[in-house]
Each structure stands twice: as structure tokens, then as C-alpha cells.
Amino acid sequence: MRCAGCGDAATVLKTVVCRTDRERRGVLCTSCWLPLRDRLWIIPGSVVVWGKCLSHGSWVSLRDLVDVKPGAAGKGVAPGGTCTMCAKEGA
């Protein structure tokens, strides 16, 4: 999926709806969303993305991985990386 603003294919994108015209929906990266955040609501997207913490093996929200690596979990194309809890313990 690509950002409707800049076309970037980011790992995590925000599904948004316009506050004044709820028919206007789209998907934006953080850079495109930030200047418009007072005019948009973030809504649940069509899919929830999970990734695997490569340190302790649990599946976590992709937003909880500090260093996302596409396909690193070894299950199809599932992303992997280090979760925030493991990153704090290792710091």
C-alpha cells in the first residue's frame, strides 16, 4: 500500500478520514499526515499488521518494533525486529 500524499510505500501507514467530509478517506504516511492532523481522524484500517520480536519470539504490533525488517520473521513475508521492551532491556 502507498501513501496517497507522496506515494511512499512505508511499512506503517495511517488510514484517515476527513473530519468535515467523512466520504473522503485515504492512507497517509506520518510525514503527509502531520501537517493535516487537525483536519483528519485516524480510523482503523482494513488490516492489522503484526511482526515478530526476534529477541523473544512473540508477535507484537508492528508499531512496537523499533527496527522493522521486512520478511525477517521467516513466516512468509512477515516483518520482524526488536520490540520496544527488548530494546529498553538491551540499552
N, C-alpha and C. Protein backbone atom coordinates (compact mmCIF):
# COMPACT_ATOMS: atom_id res chain seq x y z
N MET A 1 0.84 -1.17 0.00
CA MET A 1 0.00 0.00 0.00
C MET A 1 0.90 1.24 0.00
N ARG A 2 0.45 2.28 -0.68
CA ARG A 2 1.24 3.51 -0.80
C ARG A 2 0.51 4.70 -0.21
N CYS A 3 1.28 5.67 0.25
CA CYS A 3 0.74 6.92 0.79
C CYS A 3 0.03 7.67 -0.34
N ALA A 4 -1.18 8.15 -0.07
CA ALA A 4 -1.94 8.90 -1.06
C ALA A 4 -1.35 10.30 -1.29
N GLY A 5 -0.53 10.77 -0.34
CA GLY A 5 0.06 12.10 -0.47
C GLY A 5 1.34 12.12 -1.29
N CYS A 6 2.28 11.24 -0.93
CA CYS A 6 3.60 11.28 -1.58
C CYS A 6 3.94 10.03 -2.38
N GLY A 7 3.14 8.97 -2.22
CA GLY A 7 3.40 7.74 -2.95
C GLY A 7 4.38 6.81 -2.28
N ASP A 8 4.87 7.16 -1.09
CA ASP A 8 5.83 6.34 -0.36
C ASP A 8 5.19 5.02 0.06
N ALA A 9 5.94 3.95 -0.01
CA ALA A 9 5.47 2.64 0.42
C ALA A 9 6.03 2.35 1.81
N ALA A 10 5.54 3.05 2.82
CA ALA A 10 6.02 2.89 4.18
C ALA A 10 5.48 1.59 4.79
N THR A 11 6.17 1.08 5.81
CA THR A 11 5.75 -0.14 6.48
C THR A 11 4.43 0.06 7.21
N VAL A 12 4.28 1.20 7.87
CA VAL A 12 3.06 1.51 8.61
C VAL A 12 2.49 2.81 8.07
N LEU A 13 1.24 2.77 7.64
CA LEU A 13 0.55 3.95 7.14
C LEU A 13 -0.71 4.18 7.96
N LYS A 14 -1.17 5.42 8.02
CA LYS A 14 -2.37 5.77 8.76
C LYS A 14 -3.56 5.81 7.82
N THR A 15 -4.64 5.12 8.17
CA THR A 15 -5.89 5.24 7.43
C THR A 15 -6.63 6.41 8.04
N VAL A 16 -7.00 7.38 7.23
CA VAL A 16 -7.59 8.62 7.75
C VAL A 16 -8.90 8.93 7.04
N VAL A 17 -9.72 9.75 7.73
CA VAL A 17 -10.96 10.27 7.16
C VAL A 17 -11.01 11.76 7.48
N CYS A 18 -11.52 12.54 6.54
CA CYS A 18 -11.64 13.98 6.71
C CYS A 18 -12.73 14.27 7.74
N ARG A 19 -12.45 15.18 8.69
CA ARG A 19 -13.42 15.50 9.73
C ARG A 19 -14.66 16.20 9.20
N THR A 20 -14.52 16.99 8.15
CA THR A 20 -15.67 17.75 7.62
C THR A 20 -16.41 17.01 6.51
N ASP A 21 -15.74 16.14 5.78
CA ASP A 21 -16.36 15.38 4.70
C ASP A 21 -15.98 13.92 4.89
N ARG A 22 -16.81 13.20 5.61
CA ARG A 22 -16.46 11.82 6.01
C ARG A 22 -16.40 10.84 4.84
N GLU A 23 -16.77 11.28 3.67
CA GLU A 23 -16.64 10.43 2.48
C GLU A 23 -15.20 10.41 1.97
N ARG A 24 -14.42 11.40 2.36
CA ARG A 24 -13.03 11.48 1.92
C ARG A 24 -12.15 10.67 2.85
N ARG A 25 -11.67 9.55 2.36
CA ARG A 25 -10.80 8.65 3.13
C ARG A 25 -9.52 8.43 2.36
N GLY A 26 -8.49 8.06 3.07
CA GLY A 26 -7.24 7.78 2.40
C GLY A 26 -6.23 7.15 3.35
N VAL A 27 -5.06 6.90 2.83
CA VAL A 27 -3.96 6.32 3.58
C VAL A 27 -2.78 7.26 3.44
N LEU A 28 -2.22 7.69 4.59
CA LEU A 28 -1.12 8.64 4.58
C LEU A 28 0.05 8.17 5.45
N CYS A 29 1.25 8.54 5.04
CA CYS A 29 2.43 8.31 5.88
C CYS A 29 2.46 9.40 6.94
N THR A 30 3.31 9.25 7.93
CA THR A 30 3.39 10.22 9.01
C THR A 30 3.76 11.61 8.50
N SER A 31 4.69 11.70 7.56
CA SER A 31 5.12 13.00 7.04
C SER A 31 3.98 13.76 6.37
N CYS A 32 3.12 13.06 5.66
CA CYS A 32 1.99 13.71 4.99
C CYS A 32 0.84 13.98 5.97
N TRP A 33 0.68 13.12 6.98
CA TRP A 33 -0.40 13.27 7.95
C TRP A 33 -0.15 14.44 8.90
N LEU A 34 1.09 14.64 9.34
CA LEU A 34 1.39 15.66 10.36
C LEU A 34 0.85 17.05 10.04
N PRO A 35 1.07 17.61 8.85
CA PRO A 35 0.54 18.95 8.60
C PRO A 35 -0.99 19.00 8.49
N LEU A 36 -1.63 17.86 8.33
CA LEU A 36 -3.09 17.81 8.17
C LEU A 36 -3.81 17.24 9.39
N ARG A 37 -3.08 16.93 10.45
CA ARG A 37 -3.64 16.18 11.57
C ARG A 37 -4.83 16.86 12.25
N ASP A 38 -4.93 18.19 12.18
CA ASP A 38 -6.07 18.87 12.81
C ASP A 38 -7.33 18.76 11.95
N ARG A 39 -7.20 18.28 10.72
CA ARG A 39 -8.36 18.14 9.82
C ARG A 39 -8.74 16.69 9.55
N LEU A 40 -7.97 15.75 10.12
CA LEU A 40 -8.21 14.33 9.84
C LEU A 40 -8.35 13.53 11.13
N TRP A 41 -9.13 12.47 11.04
CA TRP A 41 -9.19 11.48 12.11
C TRP A 41 -8.48 10.23 11.62
N ILE A 42 -7.74 9.57 12.51
CA ILE A 42 -7.16 8.27 12.19
C ILE A 42 -8.21 7.23 12.55
N ILE A 43 -8.50 6.34 11.62
CA ILE A 43 -9.52 5.31 11.83
C ILE A 43 -8.87 3.93 11.65
N PRO A 44 -9.54 2.86 12.14
CA PRO A 44 -8.98 1.52 11.93
C PRO A 44 -8.86 1.22 10.44
N GLY A 45 -7.74 0.68 10.06
CA GLY A 45 -7.52 0.32 8.67
C GLY A 45 -8.14 -1.02 8.32
N SER A 46 -7.92 -1.45 7.11
CA SER A 46 -8.51 -2.71 6.65
C SER A 46 -7.79 -3.93 7.20
N VAL A 47 -6.54 -3.76 7.64
CA VAL A 47 -5.79 -4.89 8.20
C VAL A 47 -4.98 -4.42 9.41
N VAL A 48 -4.72 -5.36 10.31
CA VAL A 48 -3.85 -5.11 11.44
C VAL A 48 -2.54 -5.82 11.13
N VAL A 49 -1.44 -5.14 11.28
CA VAL A 49 -0.15 -5.72 10.91
C VAL A 49 0.61 -6.12 12.18
N TRP A 50 1.07 -7.34 12.19
CA TRP A 50 1.85 -7.88 13.30
C TRP A 50 3.24 -8.23 12.81
N GLY A 51 4.18 -8.14 13.73
CA GLY A 51 5.54 -8.54 13.44
C GLY A 51 6.07 -9.37 14.59
N LYS A 52 7.14 -10.07 14.36
CA LYS A 52 7.70 -10.95 15.38
C LYS A 52 8.94 -10.32 15.99
N CYS A 53 8.97 -10.28 17.33
CA CYS A 53 10.18 -9.82 18.01
C CYS A 53 11.22 -10.93 17.87
N LEU A 54 12.33 -10.61 17.25
CA LEU A 54 13.37 -11.62 17.02
C LEU A 54 14.18 -11.92 18.26
N SER A 55 14.00 -11.12 19.32
CA SER A 55 14.70 -11.37 20.58
C SER A 55 14.00 -12.42 21.44
N HIS A 56 12.68 -12.28 21.61
CA HIS A 56 11.98 -13.22 22.48
C HIS A 56 10.88 -14.01 21.77
N GLY A 57 10.65 -13.76 20.50
CA GLY A 57 9.78 -14.61 19.69
C GLY A 57 8.29 -14.33 19.72
N SER A 58 7.84 -13.32 20.45
CA SER A 58 6.41 -13.02 20.49
C SER A 58 5.99 -12.18 19.30
N TRP A 59 4.70 -12.31 18.94
CA TRP A 59 4.12 -11.48 17.90
C TRP A 59 3.60 -10.22 18.56
N VAL A 60 3.97 -9.06 18.02
CA VAL A 60 3.57 -7.77 18.58
C VAL A 60 3.08 -6.87 17.45
N SER A 61 2.42 -5.77 17.84
CA SER A 61 2.02 -4.79 16.85
C SER A 61 3.25 -4.28 16.14
N LEU A 62 3.13 -4.04 14.86
CA LEU A 62 4.26 -3.54 14.08
C LEU A 62 4.78 -2.21 14.64
N ARG A 63 3.89 -1.44 15.24
CA ARG A 63 4.29 -0.15 15.83
C ARG A 63 5.19 -0.34 17.05
N ASP A 64 5.20 -1.55 17.64
CA ASP A 64 6.03 -1.82 18.81
C ASP A 64 7.41 -2.37 18.44
N LEU A 65 7.71 -2.46 17.16
CA LEU A 65 9.04 -2.90 16.73
C LEU A 65 9.87 -1.67 16.41
N VAL A 66 11.04 -1.57 17.02
CA VAL A 66 11.87 -0.37 16.81
C VAL A 66 12.72 -0.44 15.56
N ASP A 67 12.97 -1.62 15.05
CA ASP A 67 13.81 -1.77 13.86
C ASP A 67 13.20 -2.81 12.92
N VAL A 68 12.14 -2.44 12.26
CA VAL A 68 11.38 -3.35 11.40
C VAL A 68 12.22 -3.77 10.20
N LYS A 69 12.25 -5.09 9.98
CA LYS A 69 12.93 -5.65 8.82
C LYS A 69 11.91 -6.49 8.05
N PRO A 70 11.53 -6.09 6.84
CA PRO A 70 10.55 -6.87 6.08
C PRO A 70 10.99 -8.31 5.87
N GLY A 71 10.11 -9.25 6.14
CA GLY A 71 10.39 -10.67 5.90
C GLY A 71 11.33 -11.32 6.90
N ALA A 72 11.72 -10.62 7.96
CA ALA A 72 12.71 -11.16 8.90
C ALA A 72 12.16 -12.24 9.82
N ALA A 73 10.83 -12.33 9.97
CA ALA A 73 10.25 -13.31 10.88
C ALA A 73 10.30 -14.73 10.33
N GLY A 74 10.53 -14.87 9.03
CA GLY A 74 10.66 -16.19 8.45
C GLY A 74 9.34 -16.87 8.13
N LYS A 75 8.20 -16.25 8.42
CA LYS A 75 6.89 -16.83 8.10
C LYS A 75 6.35 -16.06 6.92
N GLY A 76 6.53 -16.53 5.73
CA GLY A 76 6.08 -15.82 4.54
C GLY A 76 6.82 -14.51 4.41
N VAL A 77 6.10 -13.43 4.43
CA VAL A 77 6.72 -12.11 4.33
C VAL A 77 6.51 -11.30 5.60
N ALA A 78 6.26 -11.97 6.73
CA ALA A 78 6.02 -11.28 7.99
C ALA A 78 7.25 -10.49 8.43
N PRO A 79 7.05 -9.24 8.85
CA PRO A 79 8.18 -8.44 9.31
C PRO A 79 8.66 -8.89 10.69
N GLY A 80 9.88 -8.58 10.98
CA GLY A 80 10.46 -8.89 12.28
C GLY A 80 11.35 -7.75 12.73
N GLY A 81 11.77 -7.82 13.97
CA GLY A 81 12.63 -6.78 14.52
C GLY A 81 12.73 -6.94 16.02
N THR A 82 13.11 -5.88 16.70
CA THR A 82 13.24 -5.88 18.16
C THR A 82 12.09 -5.07 18.74
N CYS A 83 11.35 -5.67 19.68
CA CYS A 83 10.24 -4.95 20.30
C CYS A 83 10.79 -3.88 21.25
N THR A 84 9.94 -2.93 21.60
CA THR A 84 10.38 -1.82 22.46
C THR A 84 10.84 -2.32 23.83
N MET A 85 10.19 -3.35 24.37
CA MET A 85 10.59 -3.87 25.68
C MET A 85 12.01 -4.46 25.62
N CYS A 86 12.28 -5.26 24.60
CA CYS A 86 13.62 -5.85 24.46
C CYS A 86 14.67 -4.77 24.17
N ALA A 87 14.29 -3.76 23.41
CA ALA A 87 15.22 -2.67 23.10
C ALA A 87 15.61 -1.91 24.37
N LYS A 88 14.64 -1.70 25.25
CA LYS A 88 14.92 -1.00 26.52
C LYS A 88 15.83 -1.84 27.43
N GLU A 89 15.58 -3.16 27.47
CA GLU A 89 16.40 -4.05 28.29
C GLU A 89 17.84 -4.11 27.78
N GLY A 90 18.01 -4.03 26.47
CA GLY A 90 19.34 -4.12 25.88
C GLY A 90 20.10 -2.83 25.91
N ALA A 91 19.43 -1.72 26.20
CA ALA A 91 20.09 -0.41 26.19
C ALA A 91 20.97 -0.19 27.38
